[in-house]
């Protein structure tokens, strides 16, 4: 039987760099170069609060099909360390989603067998959605899980 829990998450760090620039055409925004078509990697840290509390560090790959139009496919792996409903430990989450029209939407899955301590047997998934600057307190996350 699955349990549902909620929290908030806020990006606290973001470093993105180009792996492949297909056309040599792109643009710089906020000091970061984005290829019009190409692949980048980003290391992102998140702070979590609420019933899901702790820190996550994600390595993302972005496949930009047209960065000027704001379109990219996203995949990544996150190591979360903290507590979920009072159970302390760490786990690995797989992110799969897209960036379109200024917003990110993704599915996040807990990868079985990579948890520690109180989260060793954690399984489950969540949907993430981010657009613009984080609202007061952070973006919402709802995790459906089994332990």
N, C-alpha and C. Protein backbone atom coordinates (compact mmCIF):
# COMPACT_ATOMS: atom_id res chain seq x y z
N UNK A 1 0.84 -1.18 0.00
CA UNK A 1 0.00 0.00 0.00
C UNK A 1 0.89 1.25 0.00
N UNK A 2 0.67 2.14 -0.94
CA UNK A 2 1.48 3.35 -1.08
C UNK A 2 1.06 4.42 -0.08
N UNK A 3 2.07 5.19 0.33
CA UNK A 3 1.87 6.33 1.21
C UNK A 3 2.21 7.58 0.40
N UNK A 4 1.56 8.68 0.70
CA UNK A 4 1.82 9.93 0.00
C UNK A 4 2.33 10.95 1.01
N UNK A 5 3.39 11.67 0.65
CA UNK A 5 3.93 12.71 1.51
C UNK A 5 4.32 13.91 0.66
N UNK A 6 4.37 15.08 1.29
CA UNK A 6 4.64 16.31 0.54
C UNK A 6 5.80 17.08 1.15
N UNK A 7 6.34 17.97 0.35
CA UNK A 7 7.40 18.85 0.78
C UNK A 7 7.55 19.97 -0.22
N UNK A 8 8.60 20.75 -0.02
CA UNK A 8 8.95 21.84 -0.94
C UNK A 8 10.41 21.66 -1.33
N UNK A 9 10.75 22.09 -2.53
CA UNK A 9 12.15 22.05 -2.94
C UNK A 9 12.52 23.36 -3.62
N UNK A 10 13.76 23.78 -3.39
CA UNK A 10 14.27 25.03 -3.95
C UNK A 10 15.66 24.79 -4.53
N UNK A 11 15.89 25.16 -5.79
CA UNK A 11 17.25 25.08 -6.32
C UNK A 11 18.15 26.05 -5.55
N UNK A 12 19.31 25.56 -5.09
CA UNK A 12 20.24 26.41 -4.35
C UNK A 12 21.56 26.59 -5.08
N UNK A 13 21.77 25.84 -6.14
CA UNK A 13 22.99 25.98 -6.93
C UNK A 13 22.78 25.39 -8.31
N UNK A 14 23.39 26.02 -9.31
CA UNK A 14 23.23 25.56 -10.70
C UNK A 14 24.48 25.91 -11.48
N UNK A 15 25.16 24.88 -12.01
CA UNK A 15 26.31 25.07 -12.89
C UNK A 15 26.07 24.26 -14.15
N UNK A 16 26.00 24.94 -15.29
CA UNK A 16 25.71 24.25 -16.56
C UNK A 16 26.83 24.53 -17.55
N UNK A 17 27.23 23.49 -18.30
CA UNK A 17 28.27 23.67 -19.30
C UNK A 17 27.95 22.83 -20.54
N UNK A 18 28.48 23.25 -21.66
CA UNK A 18 28.22 22.62 -22.96
C UNK A 18 29.06 21.36 -23.13
N UNK A 19 28.43 20.30 -23.57
CA UNK A 19 29.13 19.08 -23.97
C UNK A 19 29.31 19.08 -25.48
N UNK A 20 28.22 19.41 -26.20
CA UNK A 20 28.24 19.42 -27.66
C UNK A 20 27.40 20.57 -28.18
N UNK A 21 28.00 21.39 -29.03
CA UNK A 21 27.31 22.51 -29.67
C UNK A 21 27.21 22.17 -31.16
N UNK A 22 26.06 21.71 -31.61
CA UNK A 22 25.90 21.16 -32.96
C UNK A 22 26.11 22.20 -34.05
N UNK A 23 25.53 23.38 -33.91
CA UNK A 23 25.59 24.39 -34.97
C UNK A 23 26.56 25.53 -34.71
N UNK A 24 27.07 25.63 -33.49
CA UNK A 24 27.91 26.79 -33.15
C UNK A 24 27.08 28.04 -33.01
N UNK A 25 25.78 27.88 -32.89
CA UNK A 25 24.87 29.01 -32.71
C UNK A 25 24.18 28.84 -31.36
N UNK A 26 24.20 29.85 -30.60
CA UNK A 26 23.54 29.79 -29.30
C UNK A 26 23.47 31.18 -28.72
N UNK A 27 23.14 31.23 -27.46
CA UNK A 27 23.07 32.53 -26.80
C UNK A 27 23.46 32.38 -25.34
N UNK A 28 23.91 33.48 -24.78
CA UNK A 28 24.30 33.52 -23.39
C UNK A 28 23.20 34.20 -22.59
N UNK A 29 22.77 33.51 -21.52
CA UNK A 29 21.76 34.05 -20.61
C UNK A 29 22.30 33.94 -19.20
N UNK A 30 22.28 35.03 -18.48
CA UNK A 30 22.75 35.05 -17.09
C UNK A 30 24.15 34.44 -16.94
N UNK A 31 25.02 34.71 -17.92
CA UNK A 31 26.40 34.24 -17.85
C UNK A 31 26.64 32.82 -18.31
N UNK A 32 25.59 32.11 -18.75
CA UNK A 32 25.74 30.72 -19.21
C UNK A 32 25.39 30.65 -20.69
N UNK A 33 26.25 29.98 -21.47
CA UNK A 33 26.01 29.79 -22.90
C UNK A 33 25.14 28.56 -23.12
N UNK A 34 24.10 28.72 -23.94
CA UNK A 34 23.20 27.63 -24.30
C UNK A 34 23.25 27.45 -25.82
N UNK A 35 23.63 26.25 -26.29
CA UNK A 35 23.63 26.04 -27.73
C UNK A 35 22.20 26.01 -28.26
N UNK A 36 22.03 26.49 -29.49
CA UNK A 36 20.71 26.43 -30.10
C UNK A 36 20.27 24.96 -30.23
N UNK A 37 21.19 24.15 -30.70
CA UNK A 37 20.98 22.70 -30.73
C UNK A 37 22.24 22.08 -30.15
N UNK A 38 22.07 21.21 -29.16
CA UNK A 38 23.24 20.58 -28.56
C UNK A 38 22.92 19.94 -27.23
N UNK A 39 23.98 19.54 -26.54
CA UNK A 39 23.85 18.85 -25.28
C UNK A 39 24.66 19.58 -24.22
N UNK A 40 24.05 19.77 -23.05
CA UNK A 40 24.75 20.37 -21.92
C UNK A 40 24.61 19.45 -20.71
N UNK A 41 25.44 19.69 -19.73
CA UNK A 41 25.32 19.02 -18.45
C UNK A 41 25.19 20.09 -17.37
N UNK A 42 24.45 19.77 -16.34
CA UNK A 42 24.28 20.71 -15.23
C UNK A 42 24.36 19.95 -13.91
N UNK A 43 25.02 20.55 -12.96
CA UNK A 43 25.04 20.05 -11.59
C UNK A 43 24.18 21.01 -10.78
N UNK A 44 23.11 20.47 -10.20
CA UNK A 44 22.12 21.29 -9.50
C UNK A 44 21.97 20.76 -8.07
N UNK A 45 21.90 21.68 -7.12
CA UNK A 45 21.60 21.29 -5.74
C UNK A 45 20.22 21.81 -5.38
N UNK A 46 19.50 21.00 -4.60
CA UNK A 46 18.17 21.36 -4.14
C UNK A 46 18.12 21.26 -2.62
N UNK A 47 17.43 22.19 -1.99
CA UNK A 47 17.11 22.10 -0.57
C UNK A 47 15.66 21.68 -0.46
N UNK A 48 15.39 20.67 0.36
CA UNK A 48 14.03 20.16 0.57
C UNK A 48 13.58 20.50 1.99
N UNK A 49 12.32 20.90 2.13
CA UNK A 49 11.73 21.17 3.44
C UNK A 49 10.35 20.53 3.52
N UNK A 50 9.90 20.32 4.75
CA UNK A 50 8.59 19.70 4.96
C UNK A 50 8.77 18.25 5.37
N UNK A 51 7.83 17.40 5.01
CA UNK A 51 7.92 15.98 5.33
C UNK A 51 9.04 15.29 4.54
N UNK A 52 9.49 15.94 3.48
CA UNK A 52 10.67 15.53 2.73
C UNK A 52 11.69 16.63 3.01
N UNK A 53 12.72 16.33 3.80
CA UNK A 53 13.67 17.36 4.23
C UNK A 53 15.09 16.88 4.02
N UNK A 54 15.92 17.74 3.44
CA UNK A 54 17.32 17.39 3.23
C UNK A 54 17.88 18.11 2.03
N UNK A 55 18.87 17.48 1.41
CA UNK A 55 19.53 18.06 0.24
C UNK A 55 19.63 17.03 -0.86
N UNK A 56 19.47 17.49 -2.09
CA UNK A 56 19.65 16.65 -3.26
C UNK A 56 20.70 17.26 -4.17
N UNK A 57 21.53 16.42 -4.77
CA UNK A 57 22.51 16.86 -5.76
C UNK A 57 22.24 16.06 -7.02
N UNK A 58 21.94 16.77 -8.12
CA UNK A 58 21.56 16.15 -9.38
C UNK A 58 22.59 16.46 -10.46
N UNK A 59 22.87 15.47 -11.28
CA UNK A 59 23.60 15.70 -12.52
C UNK A 59 22.61 15.48 -13.65
N UNK A 60 22.34 16.57 -14.39
CA UNK A 60 21.39 16.53 -15.50
C UNK A 60 22.12 16.52 -16.84
N UNK A 61 21.49 15.94 -17.84
CA UNK A 61 21.85 16.12 -19.24
C UNK A 61 20.67 16.78 -19.92
N UNK A 62 20.93 17.86 -20.65
CA UNK A 62 19.90 18.57 -21.41
C UNK A 62 20.21 18.40 -22.89
N UNK A 63 19.24 17.94 -23.66
CA UNK A 63 19.38 17.84 -25.11
C UNK A 63 18.52 18.94 -25.71
N UNK A 64 19.16 20.06 -26.05
CA UNK A 64 18.43 21.21 -26.61
C UNK A 64 18.14 20.96 -28.08
N UNK A 65 16.86 20.99 -28.42
CA UNK A 65 16.45 20.87 -29.81
C UNK A 65 16.34 22.25 -30.43
N UNK A 66 16.06 23.24 -29.61
CA UNK A 66 15.98 24.63 -30.05
C UNK A 66 15.92 25.50 -28.80
N UNK A 67 17.10 25.88 -28.30
CA UNK A 67 17.13 26.64 -27.05
C UNK A 67 16.47 28.01 -27.19
N UNK A 68 16.52 28.59 -28.39
CA UNK A 68 15.88 29.90 -28.58
C UNK A 68 14.37 29.80 -28.42
N UNK A 69 13.80 28.67 -28.80
CA UNK A 69 12.37 28.46 -28.61
C UNK A 69 12.09 27.85 -27.23
N UNK A 70 13.17 27.53 -26.49
CA UNK A 70 13.01 27.00 -25.14
C UNK A 70 12.55 25.57 -25.09
N UNK A 71 13.24 24.68 -25.82
CA UNK A 71 12.85 23.28 -25.83
C UNK A 71 14.07 22.40 -25.55
N UNK A 72 13.92 21.49 -24.57
CA UNK A 72 15.00 20.55 -24.27
C UNK A 72 14.41 19.31 -23.60
N UNK A 73 15.04 18.17 -23.89
CA UNK A 73 14.74 16.93 -23.17
C UNK A 73 15.72 16.85 -22.01
N UNK A 74 15.26 16.32 -20.87
CA UNK A 74 16.07 16.30 -19.65
C UNK A 74 16.10 14.90 -19.06
N UNK A 75 17.29 14.48 -18.66
CA UNK A 75 17.43 13.26 -17.86
C UNK A 75 18.48 13.54 -16.80
N UNK A 76 18.36 12.91 -15.66
CA UNK A 76 19.34 13.14 -14.61
C UNK A 76 19.20 12.17 -13.46
N UNK A 77 20.23 12.15 -12.62
CA UNK A 77 20.24 11.32 -11.42
C UNK A 77 20.57 12.18 -10.22
N UNK A 78 19.80 12.00 -9.16
CA UNK A 78 19.94 12.81 -7.95
C UNK A 78 20.22 11.91 -6.76
N UNK A 79 21.16 12.31 -5.94
CA UNK A 79 21.34 11.65 -4.64
C UNK A 79 20.72 12.56 -3.60
N UNK A 80 19.65 12.06 -2.98
CA UNK A 80 18.96 12.76 -1.91
C UNK A 80 19.47 12.22 -0.58
N UNK A 81 19.78 13.13 0.34
CA UNK A 81 20.19 12.76 1.69
C UNK A 81 19.35 13.56 2.65
N UNK A 82 18.65 12.87 3.56
CA UNK A 82 17.80 13.58 4.51
C UNK A 82 16.78 12.66 5.12
N UNK A 83 15.57 13.19 5.30
CA UNK A 83 14.49 12.39 5.90
C UNK A 83 13.23 12.47 5.03
N UNK A 84 12.51 11.38 5.01
CA UNK A 84 11.20 11.31 4.37
C UNK A 84 10.25 10.74 5.42
N UNK A 85 9.29 11.55 5.82
CA UNK A 85 8.36 11.17 6.89
C UNK A 85 9.10 10.65 8.13
N UNK A 86 10.20 11.32 8.49
CA UNK A 86 10.93 10.98 9.70
C UNK A 86 11.94 9.86 9.56
N UNK A 87 12.01 9.21 8.39
CA UNK A 87 12.99 8.14 8.17
C UNK A 87 14.23 8.73 7.52
N UNK A 88 15.35 8.58 8.18
CA UNK A 88 16.59 9.20 7.72
C UNK A 88 17.41 8.25 6.87
N UNK A 89 18.04 8.80 5.83
CA UNK A 89 18.92 8.01 4.97
C UNK A 89 19.17 8.74 3.67
N UNK A 90 19.53 7.98 2.66
CA UNK A 90 19.73 8.56 1.33
C UNK A 90 19.12 7.63 0.30
N UNK A 91 18.88 8.17 -0.89
CA UNK A 91 18.36 7.38 -2.00
C UNK A 91 18.77 8.05 -3.30
N UNK A 92 18.61 7.34 -4.40
CA UNK A 92 18.92 7.89 -5.72
C UNK A 92 17.62 8.00 -6.51
N UNK A 93 17.43 9.17 -7.13
CA UNK A 93 16.24 9.47 -7.90
C UNK A 93 16.63 9.67 -9.36
N UNK A 94 15.83 9.11 -10.26
CA UNK A 94 16.03 9.32 -11.70
C UNK A 94 15.01 10.34 -12.19
N UNK A 95 15.49 11.42 -12.82
CA UNK A 95 14.63 12.47 -13.37
C UNK A 95 14.50 12.26 -14.87
N UNK A 96 13.29 12.39 -15.38
CA UNK A 96 13.04 12.30 -16.82
C UNK A 96 11.97 13.32 -17.16
N UNK A 97 12.31 14.27 -18.03
CA UNK A 97 11.33 15.30 -18.31
C UNK A 97 11.70 16.18 -19.49
N UNK A 98 11.12 17.37 -19.49
CA UNK A 98 11.30 18.30 -20.61
C UNK A 98 11.25 19.74 -20.12
N UNK A 99 11.93 20.59 -20.87
CA UNK A 99 11.87 22.03 -20.68
C UNK A 99 11.16 22.58 -21.90
N UNK A 100 10.08 23.32 -21.68
CA UNK A 100 9.34 23.92 -22.79
C UNK A 100 8.68 25.20 -22.32
N UNK A 101 8.81 26.24 -23.12
CA UNK A 101 8.15 27.52 -22.86
C UNK A 101 8.39 28.04 -21.45
N UNK A 102 9.64 27.92 -20.97
CA UNK A 102 10.02 28.48 -19.68
C UNK A 102 9.69 27.64 -18.47
N UNK A 103 9.22 26.41 -18.67
CA UNK A 103 8.85 25.56 -17.54
C UNK A 103 9.46 24.17 -17.69
N UNK A 104 9.79 23.58 -16.55
CA UNK A 104 10.28 22.20 -16.51
C UNK A 104 9.20 21.33 -15.91
N UNK A 105 8.93 20.20 -16.55
CA UNK A 105 8.06 19.19 -15.96
C UNK A 105 8.80 17.87 -16.05
N UNK A 106 8.74 17.09 -14.96
CA UNK A 106 9.50 15.85 -14.93
C UNK A 106 8.83 14.82 -14.04
N UNK A 107 9.15 13.57 -14.33
CA UNK A 107 8.80 12.46 -13.46
C UNK A 107 10.08 12.07 -12.73
N UNK A 108 9.96 11.81 -11.45
CA UNK A 108 11.10 11.40 -10.64
C UNK A 108 10.79 10.03 -10.06
N UNK A 109 11.69 9.07 -10.27
CA UNK A 109 11.51 7.71 -9.76
C UNK A 109 12.61 7.39 -8.76
N UNK A 110 12.26 6.75 -7.66
CA UNK A 110 13.25 6.23 -6.73
C UNK A 110 13.82 4.96 -7.34
N UNK A 111 15.15 4.89 -7.44
CA UNK A 111 15.78 3.69 -8.00
C UNK A 111 16.00 2.67 -6.89
N UNK A 112 15.33 1.51 -6.97
CA UNK A 112 15.45 0.47 -5.94
C UNK A 112 16.90 -0.01 -5.81
N UNK A 113 17.26 -0.36 -4.57
CA UNK A 113 18.58 -0.93 -4.32
C UNK A 113 19.67 0.09 -4.06
N UNK A 114 19.36 1.39 -4.13
CA UNK A 114 20.39 2.41 -3.93
C UNK A 114 20.14 3.26 -2.68
N UNK A 115 19.19 2.85 -1.85
CA UNK A 115 18.91 3.58 -0.62
C UNK A 115 19.78 3.13 0.53
N UNK A 116 19.86 3.98 1.57
CA UNK A 116 20.62 3.63 2.77
C UNK A 116 19.76 3.85 4.01
N UNK A 117 20.16 3.21 5.09
CA UNK A 117 19.55 3.38 6.41
C UNK A 117 18.03 3.30 6.35
N UNK A 118 17.31 4.29 6.87
CA UNK A 118 15.85 4.25 6.91
C UNK A 118 15.18 4.33 5.55
N UNK A 119 15.95 4.65 4.50
CA UNK A 119 15.40 4.74 3.14
C UNK A 119 15.89 3.59 2.25
N UNK A 120 16.49 2.57 2.87
CA UNK A 120 17.10 1.46 2.11
C UNK A 120 16.11 0.74 1.22
N UNK A 121 14.86 0.60 1.64
CA UNK A 121 13.88 -0.15 0.84
C UNK A 121 12.87 0.75 0.14
N UNK A 122 13.15 2.05 0.11
CA UNK A 122 12.23 3.02 -0.48
C UNK A 122 12.02 2.77 -1.96
N UNK A 123 10.77 2.81 -2.40
CA UNK A 123 10.41 2.81 -3.82
C UNK A 123 9.33 3.87 -3.98
N UNK A 124 9.18 4.39 -5.18
CA UNK A 124 8.12 5.36 -5.40
C UNK A 124 8.44 6.33 -6.51
N UNK A 125 7.57 7.34 -6.65
CA UNK A 125 7.75 8.32 -7.71
C UNK A 125 7.05 9.63 -7.35
N UNK A 126 7.43 10.68 -8.08
CA UNK A 126 6.85 12.01 -7.90
C UNK A 126 6.82 12.72 -9.24
N UNK A 127 6.00 13.74 -9.33
CA UNK A 127 5.97 14.65 -10.49
C UNK A 127 6.50 16.00 -10.01
N UNK A 128 7.37 16.61 -10.81
CA UNK A 128 7.92 17.93 -10.50
C UNK A 128 7.50 18.90 -11.58
N UNK A 129 7.31 20.14 -11.16
CA UNK A 129 6.99 21.20 -12.10
C UNK A 129 7.63 22.49 -11.58
N UNK A 130 8.40 23.15 -12.45
CA UNK A 130 9.05 24.41 -12.08
C UNK A 130 8.89 25.40 -13.22
N UNK A 131 8.51 26.61 -12.87
CA UNK A 131 8.44 27.69 -13.86
C UNK A 131 8.82 28.98 -13.16
N UNK A 132 9.79 29.68 -13.72
CA UNK A 132 10.20 30.95 -13.15
C UNK A 132 10.93 30.78 -11.83
N UNK A 133 10.98 31.88 -11.09
CA UNK A 133 11.65 31.87 -9.79
C UNK A 133 10.84 31.05 -8.80
N UNK A 134 11.52 30.40 -7.85
CA UNK A 134 10.79 29.61 -6.85
C UNK A 134 9.83 30.50 -6.05
N UNK A 135 8.63 30.01 -5.80
CA UNK A 135 7.71 30.77 -4.95
C UNK A 135 8.20 30.76 -3.51
N UNK A 136 7.65 31.60 -2.68
CA UNK A 136 8.00 31.62 -1.25
C UNK A 136 7.90 30.21 -0.69
N UNK A 137 8.96 29.71 -0.09
CA UNK A 137 8.96 28.37 0.49
C UNK A 137 9.38 27.28 -0.48
N UNK A 138 9.38 27.54 -1.78
CA UNK A 138 9.84 26.55 -2.76
C UNK A 138 8.72 25.96 -3.60
N UNK A 139 9.11 25.14 -4.54
CA UNK A 139 8.17 24.42 -5.41
C UNK A 139 7.62 23.21 -4.65
N UNK A 140 6.39 22.82 -4.97
CA UNK A 140 5.75 21.67 -4.32
C UNK A 140 6.27 20.35 -4.89
N UNK A 141 6.36 19.34 -4.01
CA UNK A 141 6.65 17.98 -4.43
C UNK A 141 5.76 17.05 -3.61
N UNK A 142 5.15 16.09 -4.30
CA UNK A 142 4.36 15.04 -3.64
C UNK A 142 4.93 13.71 -4.06
N UNK A 143 5.39 12.93 -3.09
CA UNK A 143 6.00 11.63 -3.34
C UNK A 143 5.04 10.53 -2.92
N UNK A 144 4.76 9.62 -3.84
CA UNK A 144 4.01 8.40 -3.52
C UNK A 144 5.04 7.31 -3.35
N UNK A 145 5.05 6.67 -2.17
CA UNK A 145 6.13 5.73 -1.89
C UNK A 145 5.69 4.54 -1.08
N UNK A 146 6.56 3.53 -1.08
CA UNK A 146 6.44 2.35 -0.24
C UNK A 146 7.77 2.15 0.46
N UNK A 147 7.72 1.71 1.71
CA UNK A 147 8.93 1.36 2.46
C UNK A 147 8.75 -0.01 3.08
